Amino acid sequence: MPLISLNNLSVTLQKNTILSAINLTLAAGDILGLVGPSGCGKTTLLNTIAGFIAQNQGSIQLNHFGEKRTINAEHGIPPEQRNIGMIFQDYALFPHLTVAKNICFGIAKQTNSAQKAQLNTLLKLLKLDDLADRYPHQLSGGQQQRVAIARALAPKPALLLLDEPFSNIDARLRNDLMIELRSLLKTLKITAIFVTHNKNEVFSFGDKIAVMAEGKILQTGVPAEVCQQPNCWQVADFLQLGAWLPITALSEEALSEEGLVISDFSEHRQTTVSSYHSALGPIKNTLTSPKVLSGNKLVLLVKPQHISLRSQGEKNARVEHVAITEQGYHYQLSSLETKNELAFSTLSFYSDELLSLGENISITVEPTPLLIFNQE
């Protein structure tokens, strides 16, 4: 039985649709990373699940300790009765309370002995033993976050919601804290949903990823699978999986028996009679049954690792930008024929070889499954 299920969840605020037909299911212990561009509805979704924003349509089903409860527009449940913890981006600690009192705030109705036992457990788990009597302004950003986590965990929630929990943490400490918190959630068997703009955080912290845009969830799955097989161009574009090459379908007369996809430097042969033309020359497709699309705004996703530099061959790209990275030199390439309607301007490419800014080069694409999308 899933711990939480969202079914056709929709939210309208001031006549604006913020969330539309959200469907999501999480099992107990799952950690989900919620990603998407600013303003797509990620934080609104957290606040709706927590009960701070009312839903207009659809339902939220919570299964706590074998008890199934359904929340909808007609039957609401107050936030304090949902057994959901939330950690805000700014931590929202009470400045006039000590660390100990902040942590115990949500369990004030418990006996003093129960509060003390839970406090001591959390202080130890989150390495806050020596900070119990300090106030928030006396703590570093990382320490404040640990207090916020402890306060959210004190009531022993079945579900924990985190709004960009690592954004205010020094980069050197971020990865360590993500590993520690993930281990803690797994130990306590707590389900979690966290909002982030950083896909790398999802790989380090999450079991699943959900990509949002314009108030909708576009794709949900294991992070590696979503990156390998994005279901639309918006998912691939937000996750920055590669560069886009405009393409167009060839006429039937232009097709070979195997089918052909042509670009500035590549030629794609397929086992079905379907073809596209882009700004590049020959690439072989490794898929036996590629997805066939048609339309006026077709694009081919090309990943940097599938591009190789040729020492010989016709020049087909120009170096527009050079940067140094851990993977070697990172280049942004453009088409030589910029007025062509299929020209590209930001093809990402890595190489150990140093190239000059403005240099014309010859590149090719290695055999790879074609990822073609319609931007219409």
Protein backbone atom coordinates (compact mmCIF):
# COMPACT_ATOMS: atom_id res chain seq x y z
CA MET A 1 0.00 0.00 0.00
CA PRO A 2 1.47 3.42 -0.97
CA LEU A 3 2.10 5.89 1.83
CA ILE A 4 0.80 8.82 -0.22
CA SER A 5 -1.16 9.05 -3.47
CA LEU A 6 -2.07 12.23 -5.32
CA ASN A 7 -4.94 11.75 -7.74
CA ASN A 8 -5.80 14.43 -10.30
CA LEU A 9 -4.74 17.13 -7.81
CA SER A 10 -5.40 20.70 -8.96
CA VAL A 11 -4.96 24.09 -7.28
CA THR A 12 -6.26 27.47 -8.46
CA LEU A 13 -5.20 30.68 -6.71
CA GLN A 14 -6.74 34.05 -7.66
CA LYS A 15 -8.21 32.49 -10.82
CA ASN A 16 -4.76 31.24 -11.89
CA THR A 17 -4.22 27.51 -12.25
CA ILE A 18 -1.06 26.70 -10.29
CA LEU A 19 -1.28 22.91 -10.25
CA SER A 20 -3.11 20.84 -12.83
CA ALA A 21 -3.99 17.13 -12.74
CA ILE A 22 -1.09 16.05 -10.53
CA ASN A 23 -0.78 12.27 -10.13
CA LEU A 24 1.93 10.82 -7.90
CA THR A 25 2.39 7.74 -5.73
CA LEU A 26 5.12 7.08 -3.18
CA ALA A 27 5.76 3.96 -1.15
CA ALA A 28 6.90 4.08 2.48
CA GLY A 29 10.58 4.99 2.63
CA ASP A 30 10.77 6.51 -0.87
CA ILE A 31 12.71 9.76 -1.31
CA LEU A 32 11.48 11.84 -4.26
CA GLY A 33 13.30 14.80 -5.79
CA LEU A 34 10.91 17.36 -7.28
CA VAL A 35 12.60 19.48 -9.96
CA GLY A 36 11.54 22.05 -12.51
CA PRO A 37 11.99 25.71 -13.49
CA SER A 38 11.13 28.52 -11.09
CA GLY A 39 7.40 29.17 -10.88
CA CYS A 40 6.36 25.71 -12.09
CA GLY A 41 4.49 24.89 -8.86
CA LYS A 42 6.97 22.81 -6.85
CA THR A 43 6.63 24.70 -3.56
CA THR A 44 2.87 25.03 -4.05
CA LEU A 45 2.67 21.26 -4.35
CA LEU A 46 4.54 20.82 -1.04
CA ASN A 47 2.29 23.36 0.68
CA THR A 48 -0.83 21.65 -0.69
CA ILE A 49 0.30 18.24 0.57
CA ALA A 50 1.13 19.79 3.96
CA GLY A 51 -2.30 21.43 4.15
CA PHE A 52 -1.23 25.08 3.99
CA ILE A 53 -2.96 25.52 0.61
CA ALA A 54 -6.37 24.05 -0.17
CA GLN A 55 -6.85 21.92 -3.27
CA ASN A 56 -9.68 22.69 -5.71
CA GLN A 57 -9.92 19.28 -7.32
CA GLY A 58 -8.58 15.78 -6.87
CA SER A 59 -7.54 13.98 -3.72
CA ILE A 60 -4.61 13.26 -1.42
CA GLN A 61 -4.63 9.81 0.13
CA LEU A 62 -2.47 9.27 3.22
CA ASN A 63 -1.85 5.82 4.65
CA HIS A 64 -0.43 6.18 8.15
CA PHE A 65 0.03 3.12 10.32
CA GLY A 66 -2.52 1.16 8.30
CA GLU A 67 -5.12 3.95 8.45
CA LYS A 68 -6.21 5.30 5.07
CA ARG A 69 -7.37 8.91 4.98
CA THR A 70 -8.59 10.82 1.93
CA ILE A 71 -8.32 14.62 1.64
CA ASN A 72 -10.27 16.50 -1.01
CA ALA A 73 -12.02 19.83 -1.55
CA GLU A 74 -15.04 18.70 0.46
CA HIS A 75 -13.16 16.92 3.22
CA GLY A 76 -10.04 18.66 4.50
CA ILE A 77 -7.67 17.72 7.29
CA PRO A 78 -5.77 20.46 9.19
CA PRO A 79 -1.97 20.49 8.74
CA GLU A 80 -1.32 19.49 12.35
CA GLN A 81 -3.38 16.33 11.91
CA ARG A 82 -1.67 15.05 8.75
CA ASN A 83 1.45 13.65 10.43
CA ILE A 84 3.59 15.50 7.89
CA GLY A 85 6.79 17.37 8.72
CA MET A 86 8.06 20.30 6.64
CA ILE A 87 11.42 22.02 6.41
CA PHE A 88 11.26 25.45 4.79
CA GLN A 89 13.98 26.97 2.62
CA ASP A 90 14.78 29.61 5.27
CA TYR A 91 14.43 26.99 8.07
CA ALA A 92 11.86 29.21 9.90
CA LEU A 93 13.47 28.65 13.31
CA PHE A 94 12.07 30.61 16.24
CA PRO A 95 14.77 33.20 17.03
CA HIS A 96 13.71 33.61 20.69
CA LEU A 97 13.92 29.86 21.44
CA THR A 98 17.01 27.77 22.10
CA VAL A 99 17.94 24.82 19.95
CA ALA A 100 16.37 22.45 22.48
CA LYS A 101 13.11 24.41 22.64
CA ASN A 102 12.95 24.73 18.85
CA ILE A 103 13.27 20.96 18.51
CA CYS A 104 10.62 20.27 21.16
CA PHE A 105 8.15 22.84 19.84
CA GLY A 106 6.06 20.28 17.94
CA ILE A 107 5.95 17.78 20.80
CA ALA A 108 5.07 20.18 23.61
CA LYS A 109 1.97 18.15 24.51
CA GLN A 110 4.05 15.09 25.32
CA THR A 111 5.29 14.41 28.84
CA ASN A 112 8.55 16.02 29.91
CA SER A 113 10.29 12.64 29.99
CA ALA A 114 9.09 11.77 26.46
CA GLN A 115 10.23 15.16 25.17
CA LYS A 116 13.64 14.79 26.79
CA ALA A 117 14.13 11.29 25.38
CA GLN A 118 13.25 12.42 21.84
CA LEU A 119 15.38 15.56 22.19
CA ASN A 120 18.45 13.62 23.29
CA THR A 121 18.01 11.12 20.46
CA LEU A 122 17.80 13.84 17.82
CA LEU A 123 20.65 15.90 19.28
CA LYS A 124 22.86 12.86 19.02
CA LEU A 125 21.67 11.79 15.55
CA LEU A 126 22.20 15.26 14.10
CA LYS A 127 25.41 16.04 15.97
CA LEU A 128 23.92 18.91 17.95
CA ASP A 129 24.82 17.66 21.46
CA ASP A 130 26.83 20.74 22.40
CA LEU A 131 24.40 23.27 20.90
CA ALA A 132 21.19 22.62 22.84
CA ASP A 133 21.33 25.92 24.77
CA ARG A 134 22.31 28.15 21.86
CA TYR A 135 19.99 30.41 19.88
CA PRO A 136 19.58 30.30 16.06
CA HIS A 137 21.64 33.46 15.49
CA GLN A 138 24.58 31.76 17.22
CA LEU A 139 24.62 28.90 14.70
CA SER A 140 26.11 28.47 11.24
CA GLY A 141 23.86 27.81 8.24
CA GLY A 142 24.56 24.09 8.37
CA GLN A 143 23.83 23.95 12.10
CA GLN A 144 20.56 25.86 11.62
CA GLN A 145 19.50 23.36 9.00
CA ARG A 146 20.25 20.46 11.33
CA VAL A 147 18.04 22.07 13.96
CA ALA A 148 15.25 22.52 11.40
CA ILE A 149 15.57 18.84 10.45
CA ALA A 150 15.49 17.78 14.12
CA ARG A 151 12.41 19.91 14.79
CA ALA A 152 10.62 18.39 11.78
CA LEU A 153 11.55 14.84 12.86
CA ALA A 154 10.60 15.26 16.53
CA PRO A 155 6.88 14.41 16.07
CA LYS A 156 7.95 11.28 14.10
CA PRO A 157 6.18 12.19 10.84
CA ALA A 158 5.38 9.53 8.26
CA LEU A 159 6.16 12.03 5.47
CA LEU A 160 8.79 14.78 5.40
CA LEU A 161 8.62 17.69 2.94
CA LEU A 162 11.75 19.74 2.26
CA ASP A 163 11.80 22.97 0.23
CA GLU A 164 15.29 23.38 -1.28
CA PRO A 165 16.91 22.05 1.90
CA PHE A 166 20.51 22.33 0.68
CA SER A 167 20.42 25.71 -1.10
CA ASN A 168 21.86 27.69 1.83
CA ILE A 169 24.63 25.23 2.64
CA ASP A 170 28.28 25.72 1.71
CA ALA A 171 29.14 23.57 -1.31
CA ARG A 172 31.87 21.74 0.64
CA LEU A 173 29.37 20.60 3.28
CA ARG A 174 26.37 20.02 1.03
CA ASN A 175 27.26 16.55 -0.21
CA ASP A 176 28.18 15.29 3.27
CA LEU A 177 24.92 16.61 4.70
CA MET A 178 22.90 15.02 1.88
CA ILE A 179 24.49 11.64 2.56
CA GLU A 180 23.91 11.98 6.32
CA LEU A 181 20.27 13.04 5.93
CA ARG A 182 19.52 10.31 3.39
CA SER A 183 20.98 7.71 5.76
CA LEU A 184 18.93 9.15 8.64
CA LEU A 185 15.66 9.05 6.66
CA LYS A 186 16.34 5.48 5.58
CA THR A 187 17.15 4.45 9.15
CA LEU A 188 13.92 6.03 10.42
CA LYS A 189 11.96 4.72 7.40
CA ILE A 190 10.58 8.17 6.63
CA THR A 191 9.16 9.00 3.19
CA ALA A 192 10.37 12.35 1.84
CA ILE A 193 9.69 14.79 -0.99
CA PHE A 194 12.27 17.51 -1.55
CA VAL A 195 12.29 20.44 -3.96
CA THR A 196 15.51 21.34 -5.74
CA HIS A 197 16.77 23.12 -8.85
CA ASN A 198 19.87 20.93 -8.94
CA LYS A 199 19.51 17.57 -10.69
CA ASN A 200 22.79 16.41 -9.13
CA GLU A 201 21.17 16.66 -5.69
CA VAL A 202 18.51 14.19 -6.85
CA PHE A 203 21.18 11.67 -7.84
CA SER A 204 22.87 12.02 -4.44
CA PHE A 205 19.76 12.19 -2.26
CA GLY A 206 16.73 10.79 -4.06
CA ASP A 207 15.38 7.40 -5.10
CA LYS A 208 13.04 8.94 -7.67
CA ILE A 209 12.72 12.15 -9.64
CA ALA A 210 9.62 14.03 -10.80
CA VAL A 211 10.09 16.79 -13.40
CA MET A 212 7.52 19.61 -13.33
CA ALA A 213 6.63 22.37 -15.79
CA GLU A 214 3.72 24.83 -15.80
CA GLY A 215 1.96 23.16 -12.89
CA LYS A 216 2.13 19.62 -14.25
CA ILE A 217 4.34 16.60 -13.61
CA LEU A 218 5.87 15.68 -16.96
CA GLN A 219 7.74 12.53 -15.96
CA THR A 220 8.44 10.46 -12.84
CA GLY A 221 10.91 7.63 -12.40
CA VAL A 222 14.36 6.52 -11.29
CA PRO A 223 16.79 9.41 -12.02
CA ALA A 224 19.06 7.38 -14.32
CA GLU A 225 16.10 6.10 -16.36
CA VAL A 226 14.57 9.57 -16.75
CA CYS A 227 17.91 10.95 -17.95
CA GLN A 228 18.39 8.09 -20.41
CA GLN A 229 14.84 8.16 -21.74
CA PRO A 230 13.19 11.58 -21.25
CA ASN A 231 9.59 11.46 -22.45
CA CYS A 232 9.49 15.01 -23.89
CA TRP A 233 11.83 17.80 -24.88
CA GLN A 234 10.96 19.89 -21.78
CA VAL A 235 12.31 17.15 -19.48
CA ALA A 236 15.52 16.76 -21.46
CA ASP A 237 15.95 20.53 -21.73
CA PHE A 238 15.52 21.22 -18.01
CA LEU A 239 17.87 18.39 -17.05
CA GLN A 240 20.40 19.73 -19.60
CA LEU A 241 20.94 16.31 -21.13
CA GLY A 242 22.46 17.62 -24.35
CA ALA A 243 22.07 20.07 -27.21
CA TRP A 244 19.18 20.49 -29.63
CA LEU A 245 19.49 20.12 -33.40
CA PRO A 246 16.52 21.28 -35.48
CA ILE A 247 15.43 18.60 -37.97
CA THR A 248 12.75 18.17 -40.61
CA ALA A 249 11.12 15.11 -42.19
CA LEU A 250 12.30 14.11 -45.67
CA SER A 251 9.85 13.46 -48.49
CA GLU A 252 9.06 9.87 -49.49
CA GLU A 253 11.09 10.30 -52.67
CA ALA A 254 14.19 11.12 -50.62
CA LEU A 255 14.00 7.95 -48.52
CA SER A 256 16.24 4.95 -49.02
CA GLU A 257 14.91 1.46 -48.35
CA GLU A 258 16.26 1.61 -44.82
CA GLY A 259 15.23 5.19 -44.18
CA LEU A 260 17.63 8.06 -43.66
CA VAL A 261 18.26 10.87 -41.19
CA ILE A 262 20.72 13.48 -42.43
CA SER A 263 22.48 16.34 -40.65
CA ASP A 264 25.51 18.62 -41.21
CA PHE A 265 27.89 15.83 -40.24
CA SER A 266 25.77 12.73 -39.94
CA GLU A 267 23.54 10.21 -41.65
CA HIS A 268 21.14 8.11 -39.58
CA ARG A 269 20.06 4.80 -41.07
CA GLN A 270 16.96 3.24 -39.57
CA THR A 271 15.16 -0.07 -40.04
CA THR A 272 11.87 1.70 -40.74
CA VAL A 273 11.17 3.93 -43.72
CA SER A 274 11.21 7.30 -42.00
CA SER A 275 13.67 10.14 -42.37
CA TYR A 276 14.69 13.50 -41.01
CA HIS A 277 17.07 16.20 -42.16
CA SER A 278 19.07 18.44 -39.85
CA ALA A 279 22.11 20.63 -40.09
CA LEU A 280 24.73 17.85 -39.51
CA GLY A 281 26.30 14.53 -41.73
CA PRO A 282 26.30 10.51 -41.05
CA ILE A 283 25.29 8.88 -37.70
CA LYS A 284 24.06 5.31 -37.29
CA ASN A 285 21.16 4.72 -34.97
CA THR A 286 21.41 1.75 -32.55
CA LEU A 287 17.64 1.42 -32.09
CA THR A 288 15.87 -1.20 -34.20
CA SER A 289 12.46 0.47 -33.85
CA PRO A 290 13.00 4.22 -33.43
CA LYS A 291 10.10 6.49 -32.56
CA VAL A 292 8.89 8.22 -35.72
CA LEU A 293 7.71 11.82 -35.41
CA SER A 294 6.55 14.48 -37.79
CA GLY A 295 5.89 18.17 -37.37
CA ASN A 296 7.28 21.64 -37.99
CA LYS A 297 9.49 21.90 -34.88
CA LEU A 298 11.29 18.58 -34.60
CA VAL A 299 14.55 18.49 -32.63
CA LEU A 300 17.19 15.81 -32.15
CA LEU A 301 18.86 15.55 -28.72
CA VAL A 302 22.64 15.16 -29.04
CA LYS A 303 24.58 14.37 -25.87
CA PRO A 304 28.16 15.70 -25.51
CA GLN A 305 29.65 12.22 -24.98
CA HIS A 306 28.36 11.13 -28.40
CA ILE A 307 30.32 13.80 -30.30
CA SER A 308 33.87 13.14 -31.55
CA LEU A 309 36.47 15.36 -33.16
CA ARG A 310 37.75 14.27 -36.60
CA SER A 311 41.31 15.07 -37.65
CA GLN A 312 40.24 14.95 -41.28
CA GLY A 313 36.99 15.64 -43.05
CA GLU A 314 34.93 18.59 -44.16
CA LYS A 315 34.66 21.38 -41.61
CA ASN A 316 31.13 21.54 -40.22
CA ALA A 317 31.24 23.49 -36.93
CA ARG A 318 32.81 26.60 -35.39
CA VAL A 319 34.13 27.01 -31.83
CA GLU A 320 32.12 29.81 -30.19
CA HIS A 321 33.15 29.39 -26.53
CA VAL A 322 35.93 27.63 -24.62
CA ALA A 323 35.92 26.66 -20.92
CA ILE A 324 38.07 24.42 -18.73
CA THR A 325 36.33 21.69 -16.70
CA GLU A 326 37.17 18.48 -14.86
CA GLN A 327 36.26 16.59 -18.06
CA GLY A 328 38.76 18.57 -20.14
CA TYR A 329 37.94 21.47 -22.43
CA HIS A 330 34.27 22.31 -22.85
CA TYR A 331 33.26 23.91 -26.13
CA GLN A 332 30.10 25.50 -27.46
CA LEU A 333 29.85 24.98 -31.21
CA SER A 334 27.73 26.58 -33.92
CA SER A 335 26.89 25.76 -37.53
CA LEU A 336 29.06 27.23 -40.26
CA GLU A 337 25.93 28.09 -42.23
CA THR A 338 24.12 30.32 -39.76
CA LYS A 339 21.33 31.37 -42.15
CA ASN A 340 20.18 27.78 -42.68
CA GLU A 341 16.80 27.22 -41.00
CA LEU A 342 18.24 24.04 -39.46
CA ALA A 343 21.38 25.72 -38.10
CA PHE A 344 22.42 25.18 -34.48
CA SER A 345 24.15 27.66 -32.20
CA THR A 346 24.87 25.92 -28.87
CA LEU A 347 26.15 22.39 -29.47
CA SER A 348 28.00 21.24 -26.33
CA PHE A 349 31.22 19.29 -26.83
CA TYR A 350 34.07 18.06 -24.57
CA SER A 351 37.61 17.24 -25.70
CA ASP A 352 41.11 16.84 -24.27
CA GLU A 353 42.43 18.70 -27.29
CA LEU A 354 42.82 22.47 -27.05
CA LEU A 355 41.00 24.30 -29.84
CA SER A 356 41.02 28.01 -30.65
CA LEU A 357 38.10 30.35 -30.30
CA GLY A 358 36.57 30.85 -33.74
CA GLU A 359 38.30 27.77 -35.19
CA ASN A 360 36.41 25.72 -37.81
CA ILE A 361 36.50 22.00 -37.00
CA SER A 362 35.14 18.66 -38.20
CA ILE A 363 33.01 16.61 -35.81
CA THR A 364 30.97 13.43 -36.00
CA VAL A 365 28.35 11.75 -33.83
CA GLU A 366 28.88 8.20 -32.58
CA PRO A 367 26.18 5.52 -33.14
CA THR A 368 23.48 6.19 -30.57
CA PRO A 369 19.73 5.77 -30.05
CA LEU A 370 17.90 8.69 -31.63
CA LEU A 371 16.05 10.91 -29.18
CA ILE A 372 13.73 13.01 -31.35
CA PHE A 373 11.06 15.31 -29.94
CA ASN A 374 8.45 17.73 -31.18
CA GLN A 375 8.65 21.22 -29.67
CA GLU A 376 5.24 22.27 -30.95
